[in-house]
Amino acid sequence: MADLPASRTAPDGSAVVRLLSYNVRSLRDDRGALARVIRACAPDVLCVQEAPRFFRWRKHAAWLGRATGTYYVTGGATATGPMIMARLRATVERTEDVLLPLTPGLHRRGFATAVLRFGPAARLGVLSCHLSLRASERYAQAGMALDQLKAMGVPHTVLAGDLNDRPGGRAFTRLSTALRDGWRVAPWGAEHTAMADRPWQRIDAVLASQGVEVLGCGVPFGLPGVQPDDLRAATDHLPVLAALRVPPSA
């Protein structure tokens, strides 16, 4: 399988950004396999779901950064699981972790958000999320995510995460009506993300705002360096890799 376009910044200030969304199940599985998959995908931005969030969680985030050539940007325990990491190519302009309303009896959810700059002028608002297992709460959280993207105050944004919903579901539809579903716009690789040992559904996605060109998006089956055994051993979800062309901000 051909790789997605490589990271680059064009003379006009636009930038090709590789973004990987990955539910890592709190690093409970084969960490070596996980690191190999991420390195082979060569992301500029890594949107993590189910990052370690309890005892010594920062130590685990630091390990993930060392193992994958990225650094911690924001999130983790402070966002109840979603986290953003990036390569040195990305300049962090600002970050915010957002805790969502708690429904009694359910896990509290949150968003990890950051405004990143690539080169002199290409700014991208990034939101990493892991939506609820309950349909009504999930739908409300999708609306909150859209509101948060608007509040970031940049024209070009991307949402990446474990939506716990399939295309056609109410939450997924709410997001994909306002944003462009990467797989639908420019399918590449494989579609289904869960579960890793026998994928049959797409509940993980990368969705971009208007103006962000999706050059390709999907599960990196067949990408050089990504081994099927590593994908199955790394965690219980498959990753979603996207290449995005971000225009320069005015």
Protein backbone atom coordinates (compact mmCIF):
# COMPACT_ATOMS: atom_id res chain seq x y z
CA MET A 1 0.00 0.00 0.00
CA ALA A 2 1.30 3.46 -0.88
CA ASP A 3 2.03 5.77 2.02
CA LEU A 4 0.15 8.99 2.61
CA PRO A 5 1.83 12.27 1.66
CA ALA A 6 4.82 13.17 3.81
CA SER A 7 4.84 16.11 6.18
CA ARG A 8 5.88 19.34 4.54
CA THR A 9 5.40 23.10 4.58
CA ALA A 10 4.86 24.74 1.19
CA PRO A 11 6.17 28.13 0.09
CA ASP A 12 2.65 29.57 0.33
CA GLY A 13 2.56 28.72 4.06
CA SER A 14 0.22 25.74 3.79
CA ALA A 15 1.29 22.56 5.54
CA VAL A 16 0.71 18.84 5.12
CA VAL A 17 0.10 17.43 8.60
CA ARG A 18 0.00 13.72 9.43
CA LEU A 19 -2.36 13.01 12.32
CA LEU A 20 -2.86 9.68 14.08
CA SER A 21 -5.80 8.91 16.36
CA TYR A 22 -5.31 5.89 18.63
CA ASN A 23 -7.14 4.36 21.60
CA VAL A 24 -4.22 2.86 23.56
CA ARG A 25 -6.20 1.17 26.37
CA SER A 26 -4.08 2.79 29.10
CA LEU A 27 -0.92 1.12 27.73
CA ARG A 28 -2.05 -2.19 29.20
CA ASP A 29 -1.10 -4.28 26.17
CA ASP A 30 2.13 -4.75 24.18
CA ARG A 31 3.89 -1.41 24.51
CA GLY A 32 6.64 -2.35 22.09
CA ALA A 33 4.09 -3.17 19.40
CA LEU A 34 2.24 0.09 20.08
CA ALA A 35 5.41 2.15 19.74
CA ARG A 36 6.38 0.42 16.50
CA VAL A 37 2.97 1.13 14.95
CA ILE A 38 3.07 4.81 15.92
CA ARG A 39 6.64 5.31 14.69
CA ALA A 40 5.82 3.66 11.34
CA CYS A 41 2.87 6.03 10.88
CA ALA A 42 5.20 9.03 11.43
CA PRO A 43 2.52 11.38 12.78
CA ASP A 44 3.10 15.07 13.39
CA VAL A 45 0.18 14.94 15.85
CA LEU A 46 -0.86 11.97 17.98
CA CYS A 47 -4.39 12.08 19.43
CA VAL A 48 -4.62 9.48 22.17
CA GLN A 49 -7.70 8.06 23.83
CA GLU A 50 -7.63 6.07 27.08
CA ALA A 51 -4.24 7.49 28.02
CA PRO A 52 -3.07 6.45 31.50
CA ARG A 53 -4.81 8.72 34.00
CA PHE A 54 -4.17 7.34 37.46
CA PHE A 55 -0.99 6.62 39.47
CA ARG A 56 2.11 8.22 37.91
CA TRP A 57 0.31 8.90 34.65
CA ARG A 58 2.82 11.56 33.60
CA LYS A 59 5.59 8.96 33.73
CA HIS A 60 3.65 6.79 31.29
CA ALA A 61 3.04 9.76 28.99
CA ALA A 62 6.76 10.51 29.05
CA TRP A 63 7.52 6.90 28.12
CA LEU A 64 5.15 7.09 25.17
CA GLY A 65 6.85 10.25 23.99
CA ARG A 66 10.35 8.76 24.20
CA ALA A 67 9.23 5.57 22.47
CA THR A 68 7.52 7.35 19.57
CA GLY A 69 9.57 10.51 19.01
CA THR A 70 6.79 12.80 20.24
CA TYR A 71 6.33 15.08 23.22
CA TYR A 72 3.43 15.67 25.58
CA VAL A 73 1.20 18.60 24.65
CA THR A 74 -1.88 18.33 26.87
CA GLY A 75 -4.51 16.00 28.33
CA GLY A 76 -4.25 12.61 29.98
CA ALA A 77 -5.56 12.58 33.54
CA THR A 78 -6.47 16.26 33.28
CA ALA A 79 -8.92 15.42 30.48
CA THR A 80 -9.92 12.01 31.92
CA GLY A 81 -8.18 10.06 29.15
CA PRO A 82 -7.88 12.00 25.87
CA MET A 83 -4.37 13.32 25.26
CA ILE A 84 -2.47 15.14 22.51
CA MET A 85 1.18 14.57 21.66
CA ALA A 86 3.19 15.99 18.78
CA ARG A 87 6.56 16.02 17.04
CA LEU A 88 8.88 18.99 17.33
CA ARG A 89 7.61 20.24 13.97
CA ALA A 90 4.49 21.49 15.77
CA THR A 91 4.62 24.74 17.71
CA VAL A 92 2.13 24.79 20.57
CA GLU A 93 0.31 28.11 20.72
CA ARG A 94 -2.17 27.22 23.48
CA THR A 95 -3.89 24.28 25.13
CA GLU A 96 -7.03 23.62 27.14
CA ASP A 97 -8.37 20.53 28.85
CA VAL A 98 -12.16 20.47 29.17
CA LEU A 99 -14.08 18.33 31.65
CA LEU A 100 -17.61 17.46 30.57
CA PRO A 101 -20.65 17.22 32.87
CA LEU A 102 -20.68 14.06 34.94
CA THR A 103 -23.61 11.68 34.60
CA PRO A 104 -23.95 9.71 37.87
CA GLY A 105 -22.90 6.11 37.41
CA LEU A 106 -20.96 6.78 34.20
CA HIS A 107 -17.30 7.51 33.52
CA ARG A 108 -16.54 11.22 33.35
CA ARG A 109 -15.42 12.38 29.91
CA GLY A 110 -13.32 15.26 28.68
CA PHE A 111 -11.59 16.85 25.71
CA ALA A 112 -7.91 17.54 25.19
CA THR A 113 -7.49 20.54 22.89
CA ALA A 114 -4.58 22.47 21.42
CA VAL A 115 -3.87 25.07 18.78
CA LEU A 116 -0.76 23.99 16.89
CA ARG A 117 1.21 25.89 14.27
CA PHE A 118 3.14 24.29 11.44
CA GLY A 119 5.64 26.56 9.77
CA PRO A 120 5.00 30.31 9.87
CA ALA A 121 1.27 30.42 9.23
CA ALA A 122 -0.63 27.08 9.17
CA ARG A 123 -2.64 26.88 12.39
CA LEU A 124 -4.72 23.86 13.32
CA GLY A 125 -7.08 23.49 16.24
CA VAL A 126 -6.98 19.87 17.45
CA LEU A 127 -9.49 18.11 19.71
CA SER A 128 -8.98 14.56 21.00
CA CYS A 129 -12.07 12.91 22.46
CA HIS A 130 -13.57 9.66 23.70
CA LEU A 131 -17.35 9.87 23.73
CA SER A 132 -19.78 8.12 26.06
CA LEU A 133 -21.10 4.60 25.76
CA ARG A 134 -24.62 5.92 26.46
CA ALA A 135 -26.31 7.17 23.29
CA SER A 136 -28.04 10.23 24.77
CA GLU A 137 -24.92 11.44 26.56
CA ARG A 138 -22.79 10.70 23.48
CA TYR A 139 -25.05 12.85 21.30
CA ALA A 140 -24.82 15.75 23.75
CA GLN A 141 -21.04 15.41 23.93
CA ALA A 142 -20.80 15.56 20.14
CA GLY A 143 -22.51 18.95 20.30
CA MET A 144 -20.14 20.07 23.05
CA ALA A 145 -17.18 19.04 20.90
CA LEU A 146 -18.45 21.15 18.00
CA ASP A 147 -18.94 24.10 20.35
CA GLN A 148 -15.41 23.66 21.68
CA LEU A 149 -13.94 23.63 18.17
CA LYS A 150 -15.71 26.92 17.41
CA ALA A 151 -14.47 28.41 20.68
CA MET A 152 -10.86 27.72 19.74
CA GLY A 153 -10.97 30.75 17.46
CA VAL A 154 -9.04 29.35 14.50
CA PRO A 155 -10.49 28.75 11.02
CA HIS A 156 -9.09 25.24 10.58
CA THR A 157 -9.82 22.47 13.06
CA VAL A 158 -9.81 18.70 13.37
CA LEU A 159 -11.55 16.31 15.76
CA ALA A 160 -10.04 12.88 16.31
CA GLY A 161 -11.13 10.14 18.62
CA ASP A 162 -13.05 7.12 19.73
CA LEU A 163 -16.66 8.14 19.07
CA ASN A 164 -18.24 4.93 20.40
CA ASP A 165 -20.66 5.35 17.52
CA ARG A 166 -20.80 4.10 13.95
CA PRO A 167 -21.53 6.13 10.80
CA GLY A 168 -25.27 6.68 10.72
CA GLY A 169 -25.49 6.90 14.50
CA ARG A 170 -26.86 10.13 15.95
CA ALA A 171 -23.60 11.35 17.47
CA PHE A 172 -21.49 10.40 14.45
CA THR A 173 -24.01 12.06 12.14
CA ARG A 174 -24.05 15.22 14.26
CA LEU A 175 -20.28 15.48 13.90
CA SER A 176 -20.06 14.48 10.24
CA THR A 177 -22.77 16.98 9.28
CA ALA A 178 -20.70 19.85 10.63
CA LEU A 179 -17.26 18.40 9.81
CA ARG A 180 -15.85 16.32 6.96
CA ASP A 181 -15.44 12.63 7.76
CA GLY A 182 -11.89 11.78 6.65
CA TRP A 183 -12.67 8.22 5.57
CA ARG A 184 -15.67 9.31 3.49
CA VAL A 185 -13.80 12.18 1.84
CA ALA A 186 -10.54 10.38 1.01
CA PRO A 187 -10.57 6.67 1.97
CA TRP A 188 -7.16 5.05 2.29
CA GLY A 189 -6.09 1.83 3.93
CA ALA A 190 -8.85 0.00 5.79
CA GLU A 191 -12.10 1.26 7.28
CA HIS A 192 -12.97 -0.70 10.42
CA THR A 193 -11.26 0.11 13.72
CA ALA A 194 -12.77 -2.20 16.34
CA MET A 195 -11.97 -4.60 17.62
CA ALA A 196 -8.29 -4.97 16.72
CA ASP A 197 -8.28 -8.76 16.46
CA ARG A 198 -11.44 -8.89 14.32
CA PRO A 199 -12.43 -5.40 13.11
CA TRP A 200 -16.02 -5.11 11.95
CA GLN A 201 -17.09 -1.55 12.80
CA ARG A 202 -15.78 1.99 12.44
CA ILE A 203 -16.12 3.81 15.76
CA ASP A 204 -12.85 5.77 15.59
CA ALA A 205 -12.57 8.69 13.19
CA VAL A 206 -10.80 11.86 12.10
CA LEU A 207 -13.10 14.71 11.03
CA ALA A 208 -11.90 18.05 9.68
CA SER A 209 -13.46 21.46 9.20
CA GLN A 210 -14.11 23.04 5.83
CA GLY A 211 -10.92 24.36 4.32
CA VAL A 212 -8.78 21.50 5.58
CA GLU A 213 -8.06 19.21 2.64
CA VAL A 214 -8.13 15.51 3.54
CA LEU A 215 -5.47 13.81 1.40
CA GLY A 216 -6.14 10.34 2.77
CA CYS A 217 -7.54 8.74 5.93
CA GLY A 218 -7.91 5.20 7.26
CA VAL A 219 -6.44 2.30 9.19
CA PRO A 220 -2.80 1.83 8.09
CA PHE A 221 -3.01 -1.85 7.13
CA GLY A 222 -0.20 -2.51 4.66
CA LEU A 223 1.76 0.63 5.47
CA PRO A 224 5.49 -0.16 5.43
CA GLY A 225 6.62 -0.88 8.98
CA VAL A 226 3.12 -1.58 10.30
CA GLN A 227 2.87 -5.29 11.00
CA PRO A 228 -0.53 -7.01 11.41
CA ASP A 229 0.71 -8.79 14.54
CA ASP A 230 1.69 -5.46 16.07
CA LEU A 231 -1.73 -3.97 15.30
CA ARG A 232 -3.42 -6.86 17.07
CA ALA A 233 -1.06 -6.82 20.06
CA ALA A 234 -0.77 -3.07 20.66
CA THR A 235 -4.29 -2.39 21.99
CA ASP A 236 -7.92 -3.35 21.36
CA HIS A 237 -8.55 -0.64 18.73
CA LEU A 238 -6.92 0.03 15.38
CA PRO A 239 -5.45 3.47 14.70
CA VAL A 240 -6.70 6.00 12.17
CA LEU A 241 -4.03 7.86 10.19
CA ALA A 242 -4.87 10.99 8.18
CA ALA A 243 -2.87 13.37 6.01
CA LEU A 244 -4.32 16.88 6.05
CA ARG A 245 -3.39 19.95 4.06
CA VAL A 246 -3.87 23.00 6.29
CA PRO A 247 -4.04 26.41 4.57
CA PRO A 248 -2.18 29.38 6.05
CA SER A 249 -4.23 31.43 8.46
CA ALA A 250 -5.11 34.96 7.43
